[in-house]
Amino acid sequence: MIAALIIASGKTSTRDGFVPHREVGTIPAIQRIIILFQRAGIERIVVVCEEDGAKTEKLASHMNVVFLHSQSDAEMLDNVKAGLAYLQDKCTAALVTHSDVPLYTVETVRTLIASEGPICIPAINGATGHPLLLRSDQFQPVLTYKGEGGLAGAVRATGIQPNLVEVQDEGILTNVYYDSNYTHLVNNHSLKESYPDIRVRIAKEQPFYDAGAHLLLQLTEETNSLRQACRRMGISYGKGRAIISLIEQQLGYPILHTQQGGKTGGHSVVTGDGKKLMSNYTCFMAEAKQSILELFEKHFSG
């Protein structure tokens, strides 16, 4: 599985922080990047934001991404490391970017995914940009790097010559914090093309299971804590508990065993029935998306 890591906070060599809320086209930069990755077929998307990053979470909490939190004075590379540490046993590679470069295309992302090599970087006329694709066997060298130069320095320290993937995409270089003349990129961007936004809910008397509920169960299984799962989704514990209660009400059996108590909200374990529900939904959605894409191409191509 290919994952994506979006850095939305952290100090760089030239300034503090990023602007994930900046409107690019008709949507904030952070939403544009998430949609772009999702259209390229990436399902596990991680956003690193500040510990008090409620603004970033509010922009994207409905988009089924995972939020990790960092200190406000953290360096960008520290936030990259936090994301890679989280992803290292969950994917075969990660696309790493930050929220101020939201105008590369879906085609560029797919080209990077299809490229060979442990480290792949998009380039246009020899100038390199975002996102960087890092195979999972290169996560550890980055995680242990303690030198200067940020992520670029960590990549150089691996001793591996990156595969510079030539693309015809100005967006890989366009930083919306510094650059103001990017209207032509927005107007011709791949997000201007129609695409089926596939959202499927499983229902009985009421709709009770969708992509958000699915991610909530996945994160609960990872953390053994419903409260921590809610935190990583950017939703309240009360909302998460309501989602689980509705699923169990409609199905008629428990999907979580929870031991209450403590500041962490106790210990939560996904039941066998819950795991079966997750597995069935994963397989169903994979086939459903493929079928819908084929039908969309049939009816809307040209």
C-alpha atoms as a PDB file:
ATOM      1  CA  MET A   1       0.000   0.000   0.000  1.00  0.00           C
ATOM      2  CA  ILE A   2       1.164   3.499  -0.844  1.00  0.00           C
ATOM      3  CA  ALA A   3       0.474   6.119   1.831  1.00  0.00           C
ATOM      4  CA  ALA A   4       0.766   9.905   1.833  1.00  0.00           C
ATOM      5  CA  LEU A   5       2.265  12.166   4.478  1.00  0.00           C
ATOM      6  CA  ILE A   6       1.327  15.868   4.506  1.00  0.00           C
ATOM      7  CA  ILE A   7       3.260  18.201   6.789  1.00  0.00           C
ATOM      8  CA  ALA A   8       1.039  21.111   7.840  1.00  0.00           C
ATOM      9  CA  SER A   9       3.206  22.503  10.650  1.00  0.00           C
ATOM     10  CA  GLY A  10       6.846  22.885  11.607  1.00  0.00           C
ATOM     11  CA  LYS A  11       9.735  25.316  11.304  1.00  0.00           C
ATOM     12  CA  THR A  12      11.818  25.475   8.144  1.00  0.00           C
ATOM     13  CA  SER A  13      15.125  27.190   7.453  1.00  0.00           C
ATOM     14  CA  THR A  14      13.348  30.283   6.119  1.00  0.00           C
ATOM     15  CA  ARG A  15      10.204  30.678   8.248  1.00  0.00           C
ATOM     16  CA  ASP A  16       7.902  29.208  10.857  1.00  0.00           C
ATOM     17  CA  GLY A  17       4.905  27.147   9.917  1.00  0.00           C
ATOM     18  CA  PHE A  18       2.760  26.541   6.865  1.00  0.00           C
ATOM     19  CA  VAL A  19      -0.539  27.866   5.504  1.00  0.00           C
ATOM     20  CA  PRO A  20      -2.822  24.806   5.062  1.00  0.00           C
ATOM     21  CA  HIS A  21      -5.861  27.109   5.318  1.00  0.00           C
ATOM     22  CA  ARG A  22      -4.861  29.311   2.350  1.00  0.00           C
ATOM     23  CA  GLU A  23      -7.540  29.160  -0.347  1.00  0.00           C
ATOM     24  CA  VAL A  24      -6.249  27.781  -3.636  1.00  0.00           C
ATOM     25  CA  GLY A  25      -8.946  27.865  -6.275  1.00  0.00           C
ATOM     26  CA  THR A  26     -12.167  27.442  -4.295  1.00  0.00           C
ATOM     27  CA  ILE A  27     -10.835  25.215  -1.484  1.00  0.00           C
ATOM     28  CA  PRO A  28      -8.091  25.387   1.170  1.00  0.00           C
ATOM     29  CA  ALA A  29      -4.666  24.051   0.232  1.00  0.00           C
ATOM     30  CA  ILE A  30      -4.881  21.124   2.660  1.00  0.00           C
ATOM     31  CA  GLN A  31      -8.176  19.949   1.161  1.00  0.00           C
ATOM     32  CA  ARG A  32      -6.774  20.231  -2.368  1.00  0.00           C
ATOM     33  CA  ILE A  33      -3.832  17.966  -1.541  1.00  0.00           C
ATOM     34  CA  ILE A  34      -5.995  15.392   0.235  1.00  0.00           C
ATOM     35  CA  ILE A  35      -8.472  15.220  -2.665  1.00  0.00           C
ATOM     36  CA  LEU A  36      -5.587  14.952  -5.117  1.00  0.00           C
ATOM     37  CA  PHE A  37      -4.074  11.989  -3.267  1.00  0.00           C
ATOM     38  CA  GLN A  38      -7.466  10.317  -2.899  1.00  0.00           C
ATOM     39  CA  ARG A  39      -8.132  10.636  -6.638  1.00  0.00           C
ATOM     40  CA  ALA A  40      -4.765   9.005  -7.253  1.00  0.00           C
ATOM     41  CA  GLY A  41      -6.009   6.003  -5.256  1.00  0.00           C
ATOM     42  CA  ILE A  42      -4.231   6.612  -1.934  1.00  0.00           C
ATOM     43  CA  GLU A  43      -6.344   5.608   1.034  1.00  0.00           C
ATOM     44  CA  ARG A  44      -4.096   6.148   4.075  1.00  0.00           C
ATOM     45  CA  ILE A  45      -3.308   9.855   4.312  1.00  0.00           C
ATOM     46  CA  VAL A  46      -1.579  11.289   7.368  1.00  0.00           C
ATOM     47  CA  VAL A  47      -1.538  14.994   8.250  1.00  0.00           C
ATOM     48  CA  VAL A  48       0.934  16.299  10.833  1.00  0.00           C
ATOM     49  CA  CYS A  49      -0.393  19.459  12.466  1.00  0.00           C
ATOM     50  CA  GLU A  50       0.310  21.422  15.640  1.00  0.00           C
ATOM     51  CA  GLU A  51      -0.841  20.090  19.001  1.00  0.00           C
ATOM     52  CA  ASP A  52      -3.478  22.827  19.037  1.00  0.00           C
ATOM     53  CA  GLY A  53      -4.111  22.487  15.310  1.00  0.00           C
ATOM     54  CA  ALA A  54      -7.894  22.680  15.594  1.00  0.00           C
ATOM     55  CA  LYS A  55      -8.068  24.920  12.540  1.00  0.00           C
ATOM     56  CA  THR A  56      -6.372  22.349  10.327  1.00  0.00           C
ATOM     57  CA  GLU A  57      -8.462  19.534  11.775  1.00  0.00           C
ATOM     58  CA  LYS A  58     -11.661  21.501  11.217  1.00  0.00           C
ATOM     59  CA  LEU A  59     -10.761  21.900   7.547  1.00  0.00           C
ATOM     60  CA  ALA A  60     -10.161  18.190   6.994  1.00  0.00           C
ATOM     61  CA  SER A  61     -11.779  16.130   9.762  1.00  0.00           C
ATOM     62  CA  HIS A  62     -14.552  15.070   7.349  1.00  0.00           C
ATOM     63  CA  MET A  63     -12.047  13.766   4.779  1.00  0.00           C
ATOM     64  CA  ASN A  64     -11.076  10.470   6.463  1.00  0.00           C
ATOM     65  CA  VAL A  65      -7.441  11.263   7.146  1.00  0.00           C
ATOM     66  CA  VAL A  66      -5.247  10.575  10.172  1.00  0.00           C
ATOM     67  CA  PHE A  67      -3.985  13.498  12.245  1.00  0.00           C
ATOM     68  CA  LEU A  68      -0.732  13.383  14.179  1.00  0.00           C
ATOM     69  CA  HIS A  69       0.212  16.258  16.460  1.00  0.00           C
ATOM     70  CA  SER A  70       3.508  18.013  17.088  1.00  0.00           C
ATOM     71  CA  GLN A  71       4.847  20.826  19.226  1.00  0.00           C
ATOM     72  CA  SER A  72       4.546  24.300  17.726  1.00  0.00           C
ATOM     73  CA  ASP A  73       8.335  24.746  17.722  1.00  0.00           C
ATOM     74  CA  ALA A  74       9.087  21.394  16.053  1.00  0.00           C
ATOM     75  CA  GLU A  75      11.320  21.369  12.996  1.00  0.00           C
ATOM     76  CA  MET A  76       9.777  20.199   9.742  1.00  0.00           C
ATOM     77  CA  LEU A  77      12.089  17.164   9.663  1.00  0.00           C
ATOM     78  CA  ASP A  78      10.914  16.170  13.156  1.00  0.00           C
ATOM     79  CA  ASN A  79       7.353  16.173  11.840  1.00  0.00           C
ATOM     80  CA  VAL A  80       8.380  14.122   8.814  1.00  0.00           C
ATOM     81  CA  LYS A  81       9.970  11.625  11.201  1.00  0.00           C
ATOM     82  CA  ALA A  82       6.790  11.474  13.296  1.00  0.00           C
ATOM     83  CA  GLY A  83       4.780  10.641  10.192  1.00  0.00           C
ATOM     84  CA  LEU A  84       7.233   8.035   8.929  1.00  0.00           C
ATOM     85  CA  ALA A  85       7.433   6.400  12.366  1.00  0.00           C
ATOM     86  CA  TYR A  86       3.660   6.042  12.332  1.00  0.00           C
ATOM     87  CA  LEU A  87       3.595   4.672   8.773  1.00  0.00           C
ATOM     88  CA  GLN A  88       6.625   2.398   8.839  1.00  0.00           C
ATOM     89  CA  ASP A  89       4.664  -0.824   9.445  1.00  0.00           C
ATOM     90  CA  LYS A  90       1.585   0.241   7.484  1.00  0.00           C
ATOM     91  CA  CYS A  91       2.751   0.846   3.901  1.00  0.00           C
ATOM     92  CA  THR A  92       5.319  -0.065   1.261  1.00  0.00           C
ATOM     93  CA  ALA A  93       6.050   3.570   0.384  1.00  0.00           C
ATOM     94  CA  ALA A  94       4.997   7.085   1.314  1.00  0.00           C
ATOM     95  CA  LEU A  95       4.558  10.247  -0.701  1.00  0.00           C
ATOM     96  CA  VAL A  96       5.928  13.074   1.457  1.00  0.00           C
ATOM     97  CA  THR A  97       4.913  16.687   0.899  1.00  0.00           C
ATOM     98  CA  HIS A  98       3.890  19.817   2.767  1.00  0.00           C
ATOM     99  CA  SER A  99       0.706  21.825   2.611  1.00  0.00           C
ATOM    100  CA  ASP A 100       2.140  24.855   0.798  1.00  0.00           C
ATOM    101  CA  VAL A 101       2.705  22.957  -2.468  1.00  0.00           C
ATOM    102  CA  PRO A 102      -0.819  21.906  -3.479  1.00  0.00           C
ATOM    103  CA  LEU A 103      -0.778  22.286  -7.259  1.00  0.00           C
ATOM    104  CA  TYR A 104       0.956  19.239  -8.681  1.00  0.00           C
ATOM    105  CA  THR A 105      -1.393  16.952 -10.581  1.00  0.00           C
ATOM    106  CA  VAL A 106      -2.959  13.557 -10.088  1.00  0.00           C
ATOM    107  CA  GLU A 107      -0.968  12.376 -13.114  1.00  0.00           C
ATOM    108  CA  THR A 108       2.298  13.382 -11.422  1.00  0.00           C
ATOM    109  CA  VAL A 109       1.364  11.415  -8.304  1.00  0.00           C
ATOM    110  CA  ARG A 110       0.507   8.349 -10.385  1.00  0.00           C
ATOM    111  CA  THR A 111       3.751   8.708 -12.340  1.00  0.00           C
ATOM    112  CA  LEU A 112       5.749   8.740  -9.111  1.00  0.00           C
ATOM    113  CA  ILE A 113       3.911   5.692  -7.784  1.00  0.00           C
ATOM    114  CA  ALA A 114       4.723   3.813 -10.997  1.00  0.00           C
ATOM    115  CA  SER A 115       8.407   4.843 -10.932  1.00  0.00           C
ATOM    116  CA  GLU A 116      11.213   2.578  -9.811  1.00  0.00           C
ATOM    117  CA  GLY A 117      13.804   3.211  -7.154  1.00  0.00           C
ATOM    118  CA  PRO A 118      13.977   3.590  -3.359  1.00  0.00           C
ATOM    119  CA  ILE A 119      13.665   7.392  -3.576  1.00  0.00           C
ATOM    120  CA  CYS A 120      11.789   9.149  -6.393  1.00  0.00           C
ATOM    121  CA  ILE A 121      11.545  12.912  -6.808  1.00  0.00           C
ATOM    122  CA  PRO A 122       9.608  14.762  -9.524  1.00  0.00           C
ATOM    123  CA  ALA A 123      11.580  17.208 -11.652  1.00  0.00           C
ATOM    124  CA  ILE A 124      10.834  19.697 -14.395  1.00  0.00           C
ATOM    125  CA  ASN A 125      13.730  20.859 -16.548  1.00  0.00           C
ATOM    126  CA  GLY A 126      16.085  19.541 -13.886  1.00  0.00           C
ATOM    127  CA  ALA A 127      14.480  21.426 -10.954  1.00  0.00           C
ATOM    128  CA  THR A 128      13.154  19.094  -8.260  1.00  0.00           C
ATOM    129  CA  GLY A 129       9.915  19.562  -6.358  1.00  0.00           C
ATOM    130  CA  HIS A 130       7.131  17.843  -4.406  1.00  0.00           C
ATOM    131  CA  PRO A 131       6.015  15.260  -3.501  1.00  0.00           C
ATOM    132  CA  LEU A 132       8.900  12.907  -2.751  1.00  0.00           C
ATOM    133  CA  LEU A 133       8.256   9.166  -2.852  1.00  0.00           C
ATOM    134  CA  LEU A 134      10.140   7.194  -0.219  1.00  0.00           C
ATOM    135  CA  ARG A 135      10.085   3.400  -0.136  1.00  0.00           C
ATOM    136  CA  SER A 136       9.590   1.919   3.313  1.00  0.00           C
ATOM    137  CA  ASP A 137      13.136   0.503   3.442  1.00  0.00           C
ATOM    138  CA  GLN A 138      14.357   4.121   3.445  1.00  0.00           C
ATOM    139  CA  PHE A 139      12.216   5.231   6.385  1.00  0.00           C
ATOM    140  CA  GLN A 140      14.732   4.087   8.999  1.00  0.00           C
ATOM    141  CA  PRO A 141      17.712   6.026   7.560  1.00  0.00           C
ATOM    142  CA  VAL A 142      15.588   9.186   7.644  1.00  0.00           C
ATOM    143  CA  LEU A 143      14.326   8.431  11.156  1.00  0.00           C
ATOM    144  CA  THR A 144      17.872   8.079  12.496  1.00  0.00           C
ATOM    145  CA  TYR A 145      19.329  11.097  10.668  1.00  0.00           C
ATOM    146  CA  LYS A 146      20.502  13.867  13.029  1.00  0.00           C
ATOM    147  CA  GLY A 147      22.317  16.197  10.644  1.00  0.00           C
ATOM    148  CA  GLU A 148      21.462  19.477   8.967  1.00  0.00           C
ATOM    149  CA  GLY A 149      19.506  20.270   5.830  1.00  0.00           C
ATOM    150  CA  GLY A 150      16.108  18.878   6.745  1.00  0.00           C
ATOM    151  CA  LEU A 151      14.587  16.094   4.660  1.00  0.00           C
ATOM    152  CA  ALA A 152      16.884  16.915   1.731  1.00  0.00           C
ATOM    153  CA  GLY A 153      19.877  16.424   4.024  1.00  0.00           C
ATOM    154  CA  ALA A 154      18.460  13.131   5.276  1.00  0.00           C
ATOM    155  CA  VAL A 155      17.964  11.927   1.701  1.00  0.00           C
ATOM    156  CA  ARG A 156      21.543  12.875   0.776  1.00  0.00           C
ATOM    157  CA  ALA A 157      22.832  11.030   3.838  1.00  0.00           C
ATOM    158  CA  THR A 158      21.326   7.758   2.623  1.00  0.00           C
ATOM    159  CA  GLY A 159      23.974   7.716  -0.101  1.00  0.00           C
ATOM    160  CA  ILE A 160      21.308   6.711  -2.624  1.00  0.00           C
ATOM    161  CA  GLN A 161      20.987   8.634  -5.865  1.00  0.00           C
ATOM    162  CA  PRO A 162      17.299   9.546  -6.146  1.00  0.00           C
ATOM    163  CA  ASN A 163      15.411   8.741  -9.306  1.00  0.00           C
ATOM    164  CA  LEU A 164      14.571  12.162 -10.749  1.00  0.00           C
ATOM    165  CA  VAL A 165      11.261  11.604 -12.496  1.00  0.00           C
ATOM    166  CA  GLU A 166      10.821  14.183 -15.242  1.00  0.00           C
ATOM    167  CA  VAL A 167       7.263  15.553 -15.421  1.00  0.00           C
ATOM    168  CA  GLN A 168       5.659  18.423 -17.288  1.00  0.00           C
ATOM    169  CA  ASP A 169       4.086  19.878 -14.170  1.00  0.00           C
ATOM    170  CA  GLU A 170       4.903  23.380 -12.853  1.00  0.00           C
ATOM    171  CA  GLY A 171       2.859  22.590  -9.773  1.00  0.00           C
ATOM    172  CA  ILE A 172       5.678  20.543  -8.242  1.00  0.00           C
ATOM    173  CA  LEU A 173       7.609  23.818  -7.747  1.00  0.00           C
ATOM    174  CA  THR A 174       4.751  26.196  -6.862  1.00  0.00           C
ATOM    175  CA  ASN A 175       4.731  27.236  -3.212  1.00  0.00           C
ATOM    176  CA  VAL A 176       1.574  29.222  -2.463  1.00  0.00           C
ATOM    177  CA  TYR A 177       3.226  30.947   0.498  1.00  0.00           C
ATOM    178  CA  TYR A 178       5.835  32.607  -1.698  1.00  0.00           C
ATOM    179  CA  ASP A 179       4.244  32.514  -5.152  1.00  0.00           C
ATOM    180  CA  SER A 180       1.169  34.543  -6.083  1.00  0.00           C
ATOM    181  CA  ASN A 181       0.978  33.949  -9.829  1.00  0.00           C
ATOM    182  CA  TYR A 182      -0.516  30.484  -9.988  1.00  0.00           C
ATOM    183  CA  THR A 183      -4.011  31.165 -11.350  1.00  0.00           C
ATOM    184  CA  HIS A 184      -3.130  29.446 -14.643  1.00  0.00           C
ATOM    185  CA  LEU A 185      -2.194  26.280 -12.735  1.00  0.00           C
ATOM    186  CA  VAL A 186      -5.484  26.297 -10.826  1.00  0.00           C
ATOM    187  CA  ASN A 187      -7.493  26.827 -14.018  1.00  0.00           C
ATOM    188  CA  ASN A 188      -5.797  23.908 -15.788  1.00  0.00           C
ATOM    189  CA  HIS A 189      -5.358  21.627 -12.793  1.00  0.00           C
ATOM    190  CA  SER A 190      -6.474  17.998 -12.820  1.00  0.00           C
ATOM    191  CA  LEU A 191      -9.014  18.776 -10.068  1.00  0.00           C
ATOM    192  CA  LYS A 192     -10.892  20.806 -12.700  1.00  0.00           C
ATOM    193  CA  GLU A 193     -11.731  17.515 -14.416  1.00  0.00           C
ATOM    194  CA  SER A 194     -14.928  15.707 -13.438  1.00  0.00           C
ATOM    195  CA  TYR A 195     -14.452  12.633 -11.297  1.00  0.00           C
ATOM    196  CA  PRO A 196     -16.849  10.313  -9.404  1.00  0.00           C
ATOM    197  CA  ASP A 197     -16.738  11.099  -5.682  1.00  0.00           C
ATOM    198  CA  ILE A 198     -17.516   7.643  -4.372  1.00  0.00           C
ATOM    199  CA  ARG A 199     -19.197   7.600  -0.958  1.00  0.00           C
ATOM    200  CA  VAL A 200     -21.031   4.420  -0.062  1.00  0.00           C
ATOM    201  CA  ARG A 201     -22.981   3.887   3.160  1.00  0.00           C
ATOM    202  CA  ILE A 202     -24.209   0.538   4.452  1.00  0.00           C
ATOM    203  CA  ALA A 203     -27.731   0.833   5.855  1.00  0.00           C
ATOM    204  CA  LYS A 204     -30.500  -1.077   7.561  1.00  0.00           C
ATOM    205  CA  GLU A 205     -33.192   1.084   9.157  1.00  0.00           C
ATOM    206  CA  GLN A 206     -30.529   3.810   9.191  1.00  0.00           C
ATOM    207  CA  PRO A 207     -27.202   4.272   7.388  1.00  0.00           C
ATOM    208  CA  PHE A 208     -24.620   3.016   9.865  1.00  0.00           C
ATOM    209  CA  TYR A 209     -21.300   2.275   8.173  1.00  0.00           C
ATOM    210  CA  ASP A 210     -19.211   4.338   5.777  1.00  0.00           C
ATOM    211  CA  ALA A 211     -15.599   5.322   5.144  1.00  0.00           C
ATOM    212  CA  GLY A 212     -15.470   7.408   8.324  1.00  0.00           C
ATOM    213  CA  ALA A 213     -16.768   4.602  10.534  1.00  0.00           C
ATOM    214  CA  HIS A 214     -14.353   2.236   8.799  1.00  0.00           C
ATOM    215  CA  LEU A 215     -11.367   4.466   9.562  1.00  0.00           C
ATOM    216  CA  LEU A 216     -12.539   4.845  13.164  1.00  0.00           C
ATOM    217  CA  LEU A 217     -12.489   1.069  13.606  1.00  0.00           C
ATOM    218  CA  GLN A 218      -9.102   0.783  11.895  1.00  0.00           C
ATOM    219  CA  LEU A 219      -7.584   3.381  14.211  1.00  0.00           C
ATOM    220  CA  THR A 220      -9.207   1.825  17.268  1.00  0.00           C
ATOM    221  CA  GLU A 221      -7.634  -1.493  16.305  1.00  0.00           C
ATOM    222  CA  GLU A 222      -4.250   0.233  15.884  1.00  0.00           C
ATOM    223  CA  THR A 223      -4.347   2.134  19.173  1.00  0.00           C
ATOM    224  CA  ASN A 224      -6.548  -0.151  21.319  1.00  0.00           C
ATOM    225  CA  SER A 225      -8.326   3.046  22.320  1.00  0.00           C
ATOM    226  CA  LEU A 226     -11.477   4.579  20.905  1.00  0.00           C
ATOM    227  CA  ARG A 227     -10.520   7.908  22.459  1.00  0.00           C
ATOM    228  CA  GLN A 228      -7.132   7.897  20.728  1.00  0.00           C
ATOM    229  CA  ALA A 229      -8.776   6.868  17.457  1.00  0.00           C
ATOM    230  CA  CYS A 230     -11.115   9.870  17.706  1.00  0.00           C
ATOM    231  CA  ARG A 231      -8.161  12.130  18.441  1.00  0.00           C
ATOM    232  CA  ARG A 232      -6.393  10.922  15.310  1.00  0.00           C
ATOM    233  CA  MET A 233      -9.492  11.554  13.215  1.00  0.00           C
ATOM    234  CA  GLY A 234     -10.019  15.049  14.612  1.00  0.00           C
ATOM    235  CA  ILE A 235     -13.456  14.226  16.027  1.00  0.00           C
ATOM    236  CA  SER A 236     -14.811  14.324  19.570  1.00  0.00           C
ATOM    237  CA  TYR A 237     -14.955  11.198  21.700  1.00  0.00           C
ATOM    238  CA  GLY A 238     -18.714  11.697  21.998  1.00  0.00           C
ATOM    239  CA  LYS A 239     -19.101  11.607  18.220  1.00  0.00           C
ATOM    240  CA  GLY A 240     -16.932   8.501  17.968  1.00  0.00           C
ATOM    241  CA  ARG A 241     -18.923   6.750  20.675  1.00  0.00           C
ATOM    242  CA  ALA A 242     -22.157   7.658  18.859  1.00  0.00           C
ATOM    243  CA  ILE A 243     -20.816   6.159  15.606  1.00  0.00           C
ATOM    244  CA  ILE A 244     -19.992   2.874  17.360  1.00  0.00           C
ATOM    245  CA  SER A 245     -23.350   2.798  19.179  1.00  0.00           C
ATOM    246  CA  LEU A 246     -25.258   3.265  15.913  1.00  0.00           C
ATOM    247  CA  ILE A 247     -23.328   0.450  14.212  1.00  0.00           C
ATOM    248  CA  GLU A 248     -23.999  -1.910  17.113  1.00  0.00           C
ATOM    249  CA  GLN A 249     -27.658  -0.894  17.294  1.00  0.00           C
ATOM    250  CA  GLN A 250     -28.239  -1.554  13.600  1.00  0.00           C
ATOM    251  CA  LEU A 251     -26.253  -4.820  13.482  1.00  0.00           C
ATOM    252  CA  GLY A 252     -27.512  -6.165  16.797  1.00  0.00           C
ATOM    253  CA  TYR A 253     -24.123  -7.257  18.107  1.00  0.00           C
ATOM    254  CA  PRO A 254     -21.020  -5.595  19.614  1.00  0.00           C
ATOM    255  CA  ILE A 255     -18.129  -4.517  17.423  1.00  0.00           C
ATOM    256  CA  LEU A 256     -16.035  -3.174  20.321  1.00  0.00           C
ATOM    257  CA  HIS A 257     -15.219  -4.517  23.750  1.00  0.00           C
ATOM    258  CA  THR A 258     -14.390  -1.517  25.919  1.00  0.00           C
ATOM    259  CA  GLN A 259     -13.028  -1.379  29.448  1.00  0.00           C
ATOM    260  CA  GLN A 260     -13.835   2.029  30.896  1.00  0.00           C
ATOM    261  CA  GLY A 261     -11.581   4.107  33.098  1.00  0.00           C
ATOM    262  CA  GLY A 262      -8.634   6.443  33.182  1.00  0.00           C
ATOM    263  CA  LYS A 263      -7.769   9.594  31.265  1.00  0.00           C
ATOM    264  CA  THR A 264      -7.270   7.597  28.072  1.00  0.00           C
ATOM    265  CA  GLY A 265     -10.843   6.327  28.151  1.00  0.00           C
ATOM    266  CA  GLY A 266      -9.922   2.749  28.900  1.00  0.00           C
ATOM    267  CA  HIS A 267      -9.055  -0.089  26.574  1.00  0.00           C
ATOM    268  CA  SER A 268     -10.988  -0.855  23.384  1.00  0.00           C
ATOM    269  CA  VAL A 269     -10.684  -4.045  21.339  1.00  0.00           C
ATOM    270  CA  VAL A 270     -12.386  -4.672  17.993  1.00  0.00           C
ATOM    271  CA  THR A 271     -14.416  -7.880  18.214  1.00  0.00           C
ATOM    272  CA  GLY A 272     -14.261 -10.735  15.733  1.00  0.00           C
ATOM    273  CA  ASP A 273     -17.526  -9.521  14.214  1.00  0.00           C
ATOM    274  CA  GLY A 274     -16.070  -6.019  13.976  1.00  0.00           C
ATOM    275  CA  LYS A 275     -12.993  -7.301  12.170  1.00  0.00           C
ATOM    276  CA  LYS A 276     -15.189  -9.245   9.740  1.00  0.00           C
ATOM    277  CA  LEU A 277     -17.207  -6.094   9.049  1.00  0.00           C
ATOM    278  CA  MET A 278     -13.988  -4.182   8.338  1.00  0.00           C
ATOM    279  CA  SER A 279     -12.663  -6.897   6.018  1.00  0.00           C
ATOM    280  CA  ASN A 280     -15.921  -7.161   4.092  1.00  0.00           C
ATOM    281  CA  TYR A 281     -16.146  -3.388   3.665  1.00  0.00           C
ATOM    282  CA  THR A 282     -12.539  -3.155   2.444  1.00  0.00           C
ATOM    283  CA  CYS A 283     -13.087  -5.805  -0.228  1.00  0.00           C
ATOM    284  CA  PHE A 284     -16.494  -4.430  -1.198  1.00  0.00           C
ATOM    285  CA  MET A 285     -15.203  -0.872  -1.624  1.00  0.00           C
ATOM    286  CA  ALA A 286     -12.206  -1.950  -3.703  1.00  0.00           C
ATOM    287  CA  GLU A 287     -14.497  -3.684  -6.191  1.00  0.00           C
ATOM    288  CA  ALA A 288     -17.162  -0.965  -6.035  1.00  0.00           C
ATOM    289  CA  LYS A 289     -14.655   1.806  -6.815  1.00  0.00           C
ATOM    290  CA  GLN A 290     -13.289  -0.068  -9.797  1.00  0.00           C
ATOM    291  CA  SER A 291     -16.772  -0.727 -11.172  1.00  0.00           C
ATOM    292  CA  ILE A 292     -17.881   2.873 -10.668  1.00  0.00           C
ATOM    293  CA  LEU A 293     -14.745   4.222 -12.361  1.00  0.00           C
ATOM    294  CA  GLU A 294     -15.436   1.985 -15.346  1.00  0.00           C
ATOM    295  CA  LEU A 295     -19.069   3.145 -15.494  1.00  0.00           C
ATOM    296  CA  PHE A 296     -17.998   6.765 -15.180  1.00  0.00           C
ATOM    297  CA  GLU A 297     -15.584   6.351 -18.071  1.00  0.00           C
ATOM    298  CA  LYS A 298     -18.334   4.707 -20.124  1.00  0.00           C
ATOM    299  CA  HIS A 299     -20.895   7.447 -19.541  1.00  0.00           C
ATOM    300  CA  PHE A 300     -18.800  10.594 -19.151  1.00  0.00           C
ATOM    301  CA  SER A 301     -15.674  10.140 -21.272  1.00  0.00           C
ATOM    302  CA  GLY A 302     -15.455  12.879 -23.893  1.00  0.00           C
END
